[in-house]
Amino acid sequence: MQRADVRMDRAEARMDRAEARMDRMDRQLLGIQKIIRTGMKLIVRIERSQKESDEKLSALIEAQQRSEQREERLDAKLEKLMESQRKTDEKFAKWLDSLKHRNGKR
């Protein structure tokens, strides 16, 4: 009988240790679940932030392209204006020369 009691005590001790290990594993699994949930929330937040950044970057790219197009149009207008001013300067110089020659003949 005593031998059976010793065996039973050992079996109960093994069961207690197994239960303690299972309790530790359960706590670890709960901790891992919390970490995973937190990580998933963080991933969702990062994805939203990335989407907003992508939209802002696209808007900046479009604004830059519009600015470049405006700059090209302004450059073309400036070229025309410079050409017109050069022609006006030439005409003015000719007119001044004609006045000098007319005054010199009198």
C-alpha atoms as a PDB file:
ATOM      1  CA  MET A   1       0.000   0.000   0.000  1.00  0.00           C
ATOM      2  CA  GLN A   2       2.790   2.342   0.872  1.00  0.00           C
ATOM      3  CA  ARG A   3       4.392   1.769  -2.468  1.00  0.00           C
ATOM      4  CA  ALA A   4       1.180   2.674  -4.244  1.00  0.00           C
ATOM      5  CA  ASP A   5       0.930   5.856  -2.166  1.00  0.00           C
ATOM      6  CA  VAL A   6       4.445   6.858  -3.145  1.00  0.00           C
ATOM      7  CA  ARG A   7       3.648   6.205  -6.792  1.00  0.00           C
ATOM      8  CA  MET A   8       0.458   8.191  -6.453  1.00  0.00           C
ATOM      9  CA  ASP A   9       2.322  11.092  -4.800  1.00  0.00           C
ATOM     10  CA  ARG A  10       4.896  11.081  -7.596  1.00  0.00           C
ATOM     11  CA  ALA A  11       2.179  11.014 -10.223  1.00  0.00           C
ATOM     12  CA  GLU A  12       0.416  13.907  -8.530  1.00  0.00           C
ATOM     13  CA  ALA A  13       3.697  15.850  -8.362  1.00  0.00           C
ATOM     14  CA  ARG A  14       4.229  15.232 -12.097  1.00  0.00           C
ATOM     15  CA  MET A  15       0.691  16.376 -12.790  1.00  0.00           C
ATOM     16  CA  ASP A  16       1.226  19.522 -10.694  1.00  0.00           C
ATOM     17  CA  ARG A  17       4.419  20.312 -12.616  1.00  0.00           C
ATOM     18  CA  ALA A  18       2.655  19.647 -15.927  1.00  0.00           C
ATOM     19  CA  GLU A  19      -0.205  21.931 -14.910  1.00  0.00           C
ATOM     20  CA  ALA A  20       2.278  24.639 -13.877  1.00  0.00           C
ATOM     21  CA  ARG A  21       3.984  24.320 -17.284  1.00  0.00           C
ATOM     22  CA  MET A  22       0.610  24.510 -19.007  1.00  0.00           C
ATOM     23  CA  ASP A  23      -0.286  27.629 -16.984  1.00  0.00           C
ATOM     24  CA  ARG A  24       3.022  29.249 -18.020  1.00  0.00           C
ATOM     25  CA  MET A  25       2.373  28.304 -21.651  1.00  0.00           C
ATOM     26  CA  ASP A  26      -1.146  29.757 -21.464  1.00  0.00           C
ATOM     27  CA  ARG A  27       0.225  33.044 -20.083  1.00  0.00           C
ATOM     28  CA  GLN A  28       2.887  33.099 -22.781  1.00  0.00           C
ATOM     29  CA  LEU A  29       0.288  32.457 -25.477  1.00  0.00           C
ATOM     30  CA  LEU A  30      -1.870  35.274 -24.113  1.00  0.00           C
ATOM     31  CA  GLY A  31       1.152  37.552 -24.197  1.00  0.00           C
ATOM     32  CA  ILE A  32       1.929  36.545 -27.767  1.00  0.00           C
ATOM     33  CA  GLN A  33      -1.704  37.163 -28.755  1.00  0.00           C
ATOM     34  CA  LYS A  34      -1.521  40.668 -27.265  1.00  0.00           C
ATOM     35  CA  ILE A  35       1.711  41.341 -29.142  1.00  0.00           C
ATOM     36  CA  ILE A  36       0.159  40.121 -32.398  1.00  0.00           C
ATOM     37  CA  ARG A  37      -2.973  42.251 -31.902  1.00  0.00           C
ATOM     38  CA  THR A  38      -0.846  45.303 -31.145  1.00  0.00           C
ATOM     39  CA  GLY A  39       1.320  44.568 -34.179  1.00  0.00           C
ATOM     40  CA  MET A  40      -1.696  44.236 -36.446  1.00  0.00           C
ATOM     41  CA  LYS A  41      -3.088  47.563 -35.210  1.00  0.00           C
ATOM     42  CA  LEU A  42       0.303  49.140 -35.847  1.00  0.00           C
ATOM     43  CA  ILE A  43       0.400  47.697 -39.359  1.00  0.00           C
ATOM     44  CA  VAL A  44      -3.051  49.133 -40.103  1.00  0.00           C
ATOM     45  CA  ARG A  45      -1.924  52.533 -38.811  1.00  0.00           C
ATOM     46  CA  ILE A  46       1.250  52.386 -40.899  1.00  0.00           C
ATOM     47  CA  GLU A  47      -0.734  51.429 -44.010  1.00  0.00           C
ATOM     48  CA  ARG A  48      -3.077  54.391 -43.502  1.00  0.00           C
ATOM     49  CA  SER A  49      -0.138  56.696 -42.978  1.00  0.00           C
ATOM     50  CA  GLN A  50       1.573  55.323 -46.080  1.00  0.00           C
ATOM     51  CA  LYS A  51      -1.595  55.845 -48.120  1.00  0.00           C
ATOM     52  CA  GLU A  52      -1.834  59.458 -46.915  1.00  0.00           C
ATOM     53  CA  SER A  53       1.847  59.997 -47.719  1.00  0.00           C
ATOM     54  CA  ASP A  54       1.362  58.520 -51.188  1.00  0.00           C
ATOM     55  CA  GLU A  55      -1.610  60.814 -51.819  1.00  0.00           C
ATOM     56  CA  LYS A  56       0.333  63.859 -50.647  1.00  0.00           C
ATOM     57  CA  LEU A  57       3.322  62.881 -52.766  1.00  0.00           C
ATOM     58  CA  SER A  58       1.075  62.464 -55.811  1.00  0.00           C
ATOM     59  CA  ALA A  59      -0.418  65.906 -55.184  1.00  0.00           C
ATOM     60  CA  LEU A  60       3.085  67.393 -54.919  1.00  0.00           C
ATOM     61  CA  ILE A  61       4.152  65.710 -58.141  1.00  0.00           C
ATOM     62  CA  GLU A  62       1.090  67.053 -59.953  1.00  0.00           C
ATOM     63  CA  ALA A  63       1.685  70.546 -58.555  1.00  0.00           C
ATOM     64  CA  GLN A  64       5.333  70.381 -59.659  1.00  0.00           C
ATOM     65  CA  GLN A  65       4.306  69.312 -63.157  1.00  0.00           C
ATOM     66  CA  ARG A  66       1.809  72.196 -63.380  1.00  0.00           C
ATOM     67  CA  SER A  67       4.509  74.604 -62.186  1.00  0.00           C
ATOM     68  CA  GLU A  68       6.915  73.326 -64.811  1.00  0.00           C
ATOM     69  CA  GLN A  69       4.274  73.735 -67.527  1.00  0.00           C
ATOM     70  CA  ARG A  70       3.566  77.288 -66.351  1.00  0.00           C
ATOM     71  CA  GLU A  71       7.285  78.007 -66.339  1.00  0.00           C
ATOM     72  CA  GLU A  72       7.604  76.729 -69.907  1.00  0.00           C
ATOM     73  CA  ARG A  73       4.710  78.942 -71.036  1.00  0.00           C
ATOM     74  CA  LEU A  74       6.231  81.939 -69.255  1.00  0.00           C
ATOM     75  CA  ASP A  75       9.614  81.227 -70.828  1.00  0.00           C
ATOM     76  CA  ALA A  76       7.995  81.193 -74.285  1.00  0.00           C
ATOM     77  CA  LYS A  77       6.188  84.478 -73.564  1.00  0.00           C
ATOM     78  CA  LEU A  78       9.396  86.009 -72.233  1.00  0.00           C
ATOM     79  CA  GLU A  79      11.240  84.965 -75.394  1.00  0.00           C
ATOM     80  CA  LYS A  80       8.548  86.651 -77.514  1.00  0.00           C
ATOM     81  CA  LEU A  81       8.691  89.753 -75.351  1.00  0.00           C
ATOM     82  CA  MET A  82      12.497  89.905 -75.604  1.00  0.00           C
ATOM     83  CA  GLU A  83      12.295  89.552 -79.389  1.00  0.00           C
ATOM     84  CA  SER A  84       9.649  92.262 -79.553  1.00  0.00           C
ATOM     85  CA  GLN A  85      11.779  94.540 -77.346  1.00  0.00           C
ATOM     86  CA  ARG A  86      14.837  93.909 -79.542  1.00  0.00           C
ATOM     87  CA  LYS A  87      12.829  94.888 -82.633  1.00  0.00           C
ATOM     88  CA  THR A  88      11.495  97.975 -80.863  1.00  0.00           C
ATOM     89  CA  ASP A  89      15.029  98.944 -79.837  1.00  0.00           C
ATOM     90  CA  GLU A  90      16.205  98.557 -83.448  1.00  0.00           C
ATOM     91  CA  LYS A  91      13.313 100.667 -84.752  1.00  0.00           C
ATOM     92  CA  PHE A  92      13.969 103.315 -82.097  1.00  0.00           C
ATOM     93  CA  ALA A  93      17.665 103.412 -82.971  1.00  0.00           C
ATOM     94  CA  LYS A  94      16.790 103.825 -86.677  1.00  0.00           C
ATOM     95  CA  TRP A  95      14.329 106.586 -85.849  1.00  0.00           C
ATOM     96  CA  LEU A  96      16.976 108.387 -83.774  1.00  0.00           C
ATOM     97  CA  ASP A  97      19.455 108.059 -86.632  1.00  0.00           C
ATOM     98  CA  SER A  98      16.911 109.465 -89.060  1.00  0.00           C
ATOM     99  CA  LEU A  99      16.390 112.467 -86.769  1.00  0.00           C
ATOM    100  CA  LYS A 100      20.131 113.058 -86.570  1.00  0.00           C
ATOM    101  CA  HIS A 101      20.480 112.969 -90.352  1.00  0.00           C
ATOM    102  CA  ARG A 102      17.499 115.225 -90.867  1.00  0.00           C
ATOM    103  CA  ASN A 103      18.809 117.780 -88.371  1.00  0.00           C
ATOM    104  CA  GLY A 104      22.254 117.629 -89.917  1.00  0.00           C
ATOM    105  CA  LYS A 105      20.915 118.502 -93.429  1.00  0.00           C
ATOM    106  CA  ARG A 106      19.265 121.710 -92.384  1.00  0.00           C
END
